[in-house]
Amino acid sequence: MIEIWTDIYIARGARHIKTKELRKNINYTPLVFKKHQIDSLQFSESNLYYTSKIDDYEKMFLEVEKRLKEKQEIYNPKSDIDSIIEDAKEIHRKDLK
């Protein structure tokens, strides 16, 4: 489920990105189901199961969040300027304390 949810979040985010043909609002979720060889009913039933185990569900989404952040770092690495700005903000926050 972690891999499926990670892919679903990516698919949902990609929905608003224009393709090479300048199309957007494309629903990529069916491609996620196809990739993982499930259908929407199987996904819904599995999701319902995990919602009944809220501690496991929370842990699952913490892992999904971690994986999304890792992918974001790979595909959108910070530039040197971004790092300098973040360091300056951190120094400023410490000075305010």
C-alpha atoms as a PDB file:
ATOM      1  CA  MET A   1       0.000   0.000   0.000  1.00  0.00           C
ATOM      2  CA  ILE A   2       2.899   2.364   0.656  1.00  0.00           C
ATOM      3  CA  GLU A   3       4.102   2.104  -2.939  1.00  0.00           C
ATOM      4  CA  ILE A   4       0.561   2.485  -4.274  1.00  0.00           C
ATOM      5  CA  TRP A   5      -0.175   5.575  -2.176  1.00  0.00           C
ATOM      6  CA  THR A   6       3.181   7.100  -3.133  1.00  0.00           C
ATOM      7  CA  ASP A   7       2.358   6.620  -6.801  1.00  0.00           C
ATOM      8  CA  ILE A   8      -1.183   7.951  -6.315  1.00  0.00           C
ATOM      9  CA  TYR A   9       0.126  11.178  -4.795  1.00  0.00           C
ATOM     10  CA  ILE A  10       2.549  11.586  -7.686  1.00  0.00           C
ATOM     11  CA  ALA A  11      -0.254  10.884 -10.164  1.00  0.00           C
ATOM     12  CA  ARG A  12      -2.540  13.409  -8.486  1.00  0.00           C
ATOM     13  CA  GLY A  13       0.196  16.028  -8.550  1.00  0.00           C
ATOM     14  CA  ALA A  14       0.916  15.346 -12.210  1.00  0.00           C
ATOM     15  CA  ARG A  15      -2.709  15.925 -13.108  1.00  0.00           C
ATOM     16  CA  HIS A  16      -2.152  19.676 -13.236  1.00  0.00           C
ATOM     17  CA  ILE A  17       1.106  19.539 -15.201  1.00  0.00           C
ATOM     18  CA  LYS A  18       0.890  20.143 -18.928  1.00  0.00           C
ATOM     19  CA  THR A  19       1.998  17.353 -21.231  1.00  0.00           C
ATOM     20  CA  LYS A  20       4.156  17.902 -24.312  1.00  0.00           C
ATOM     21  CA  GLU A  21       0.878  18.331 -26.201  1.00  0.00           C
ATOM     22  CA  LEU A  22      -0.103  21.069 -23.674  1.00  0.00           C
ATOM     23  CA  ARG A  23      -2.905  18.927 -22.242  1.00  0.00           C
ATOM     24  CA  LYS A  24      -3.571  18.811 -18.518  1.00  0.00           C
ATOM     25  CA  ASN A  25      -6.194  17.535 -16.073  1.00  0.00           C
ATOM     26  CA  ILE A  26      -5.348  13.974 -17.055  1.00  0.00           C
ATOM     27  CA  ASN A  27      -6.284  11.321 -14.507  1.00  0.00           C
ATOM     28  CA  TYR A  28      -3.219   9.098 -14.116  1.00  0.00           C
ATOM     29  CA  THR A  29      -4.644   7.024 -11.237  1.00  0.00           C
ATOM     30  CA  PRO A  30      -5.765   4.169 -13.517  1.00  0.00           C
ATOM     31  CA  LEU A  31      -2.138   3.846 -14.624  1.00  0.00           C
ATOM     32  CA  VAL A  32      -1.119   3.445 -10.969  1.00  0.00           C
ATOM     33  CA  PHE A  33      -3.635   0.627 -10.546  1.00  0.00           C
ATOM     34  CA  LYS A  34      -2.405  -1.006 -13.741  1.00  0.00           C
ATOM     35  CA  LYS A  35       1.225  -0.726 -12.599  1.00  0.00           C
ATOM     36  CA  HIS A  36       0.401  -2.457  -9.310  1.00  0.00           C
ATOM     37  CA  GLN A  37      -1.959  -4.958 -10.961  1.00  0.00           C
ATOM     38  CA  ILE A  38      -4.992  -4.006  -8.900  1.00  0.00           C
ATOM     39  CA  ASP A  39      -8.310  -2.349  -9.630  1.00  0.00           C
ATOM     40  CA  SER A  40     -10.081   0.476  -7.831  1.00  0.00           C
ATOM     41  CA  LEU A  41     -12.236  -1.966  -5.834  1.00  0.00           C
ATOM     42  CA  GLN A  42      -9.202  -3.853  -4.513  1.00  0.00           C
ATOM     43  CA  PHE A  43      -7.578  -0.552  -3.615  1.00  0.00           C
ATOM     44  CA  SER A  44     -10.706   0.676  -1.812  1.00  0.00           C
ATOM     45  CA  GLU A  45     -11.044  -2.559   0.153  1.00  0.00           C
ATOM     46  CA  SER A  46      -7.380  -2.482   1.193  1.00  0.00           C
ATOM     47  CA  ASN A  47      -7.647   1.171   2.127  1.00  0.00           C
ATOM     48  CA  LEU A  48     -10.751   0.473   4.214  1.00  0.00           C
ATOM     49  CA  TYR A  49      -8.880  -2.291   6.028  1.00  0.00           C
ATOM     50  CA  TYR A  50      -6.004   0.047   6.899  1.00  0.00           C
ATOM     51  CA  THR A  51      -8.334   2.810   8.075  1.00  0.00           C
ATOM     52  CA  SER A  52      -9.642   0.361  10.660  1.00  0.00           C
ATOM     53  CA  LYS A  53      -6.067   0.066  11.994  1.00  0.00           C
ATOM     54  CA  ILE A  54      -5.354   3.747  12.471  1.00  0.00           C
ATOM     55  CA  ASP A  55      -1.877   3.280  14.003  1.00  0.00           C
ATOM     56  CA  ASP A  56      -0.738   1.240  11.001  1.00  0.00           C
ATOM     57  CA  TYR A  57      -2.440   3.722   8.661  1.00  0.00           C
ATOM     58  CA  GLU A  58      -0.563   6.623  10.244  1.00  0.00           C
ATOM     59  CA  LYS A  59       2.773   4.781  10.010  1.00  0.00           C
ATOM     60  CA  MET A  60       2.037   3.991   6.384  1.00  0.00           C
ATOM     61  CA  PHE A  61       1.474   7.637   5.526  1.00  0.00           C
ATOM     62  CA  LEU A  62       4.592   8.730   7.382  1.00  0.00           C
ATOM     63  CA  GLU A  63       6.529   6.357   5.130  1.00  0.00           C
ATOM     64  CA  VAL A  64       4.668   7.664   2.055  1.00  0.00           C
ATOM     65  CA  GLU A  65       5.606  11.213   3.050  1.00  0.00           C
ATOM     66  CA  LYS A  66       9.246  10.178   3.526  1.00  0.00           C
ATOM     67  CA  ARG A  67       9.365   8.565   0.081  1.00  0.00           C
ATOM     68  CA  LEU A  68       7.759  11.569  -1.577  1.00  0.00           C
ATOM     69  CA  LYS A  69      10.325  13.868   0.029  1.00  0.00           C
ATOM     70  CA  GLU A  70      13.137  11.602  -1.156  1.00  0.00           C
ATOM     71  CA  LYS A  71      11.770  11.686  -4.696  1.00  0.00           C
ATOM     72  CA  GLN A  72      11.374  15.450  -4.511  1.00  0.00           C
ATOM     73  CA  GLU A  73      15.038  15.813  -3.535  1.00  0.00           C
ATOM     74  CA  ILE A  74      16.070  13.653  -6.490  1.00  0.00           C
ATOM     75  CA  TYR A  75      13.955  15.465  -9.073  1.00  0.00           C
ATOM     76  CA  ASN A  76      14.078  18.990  -7.594  1.00  0.00           C
ATOM     77  CA  PRO A  77      17.463  19.281  -5.901  1.00  0.00           C
ATOM     78  CA  LYS A  78      18.125  22.484  -4.007  1.00  0.00           C
ATOM     79  CA  SER A  79      20.466  24.892  -5.673  1.00  0.00           C
ATOM     80  CA  ASP A  80      23.381  26.435  -3.796  1.00  0.00           C
ATOM     81  CA  ILE A  81      21.362  29.644  -3.478  1.00  0.00           C
ATOM     82  CA  ASP A  82      18.459  27.743  -1.895  1.00  0.00           C
ATOM     83  CA  SER A  83      20.854  26.237   0.654  1.00  0.00           C
ATOM     84  CA  ILE A  84      22.350  29.634   1.470  1.00  0.00           C
ATOM     85  CA  ILE A  85      18.878  31.142   1.947  1.00  0.00           C
ATOM     86  CA  GLU A  86      17.806  28.254   4.200  1.00  0.00           C
ATOM     87  CA  ASP A  87      20.998  28.601   6.263  1.00  0.00           C
ATOM     88  CA  ALA A  88      20.406  32.355   6.631  1.00  0.00           C
ATOM     89  CA  LYS A  89      16.814  31.768   7.738  1.00  0.00           C
ATOM     90  CA  GLU A  90      17.977  29.229  10.322  1.00  0.00           C
ATOM     91  CA  ILE A  91      20.592  31.639  11.686  1.00  0.00           C
ATOM     92  CA  HIS A  92      17.956  34.381  11.846  1.00  0.00           C
ATOM     93  CA  ARG A  93      15.555  32.086  13.730  1.00  0.00           C
ATOM     94  CA  LYS A  94      18.264  31.252  16.263  1.00  0.00           C
ATOM     95  CA  ASP A  95      19.057  34.955  16.720  1.00  0.00           C
ATOM     96  CA  LEU A  96      15.402  35.671  17.509  1.00  0.00           C
ATOM     97  CA  LYS A  97      15.373  33.140  20.387  1.00  0.00           C
END
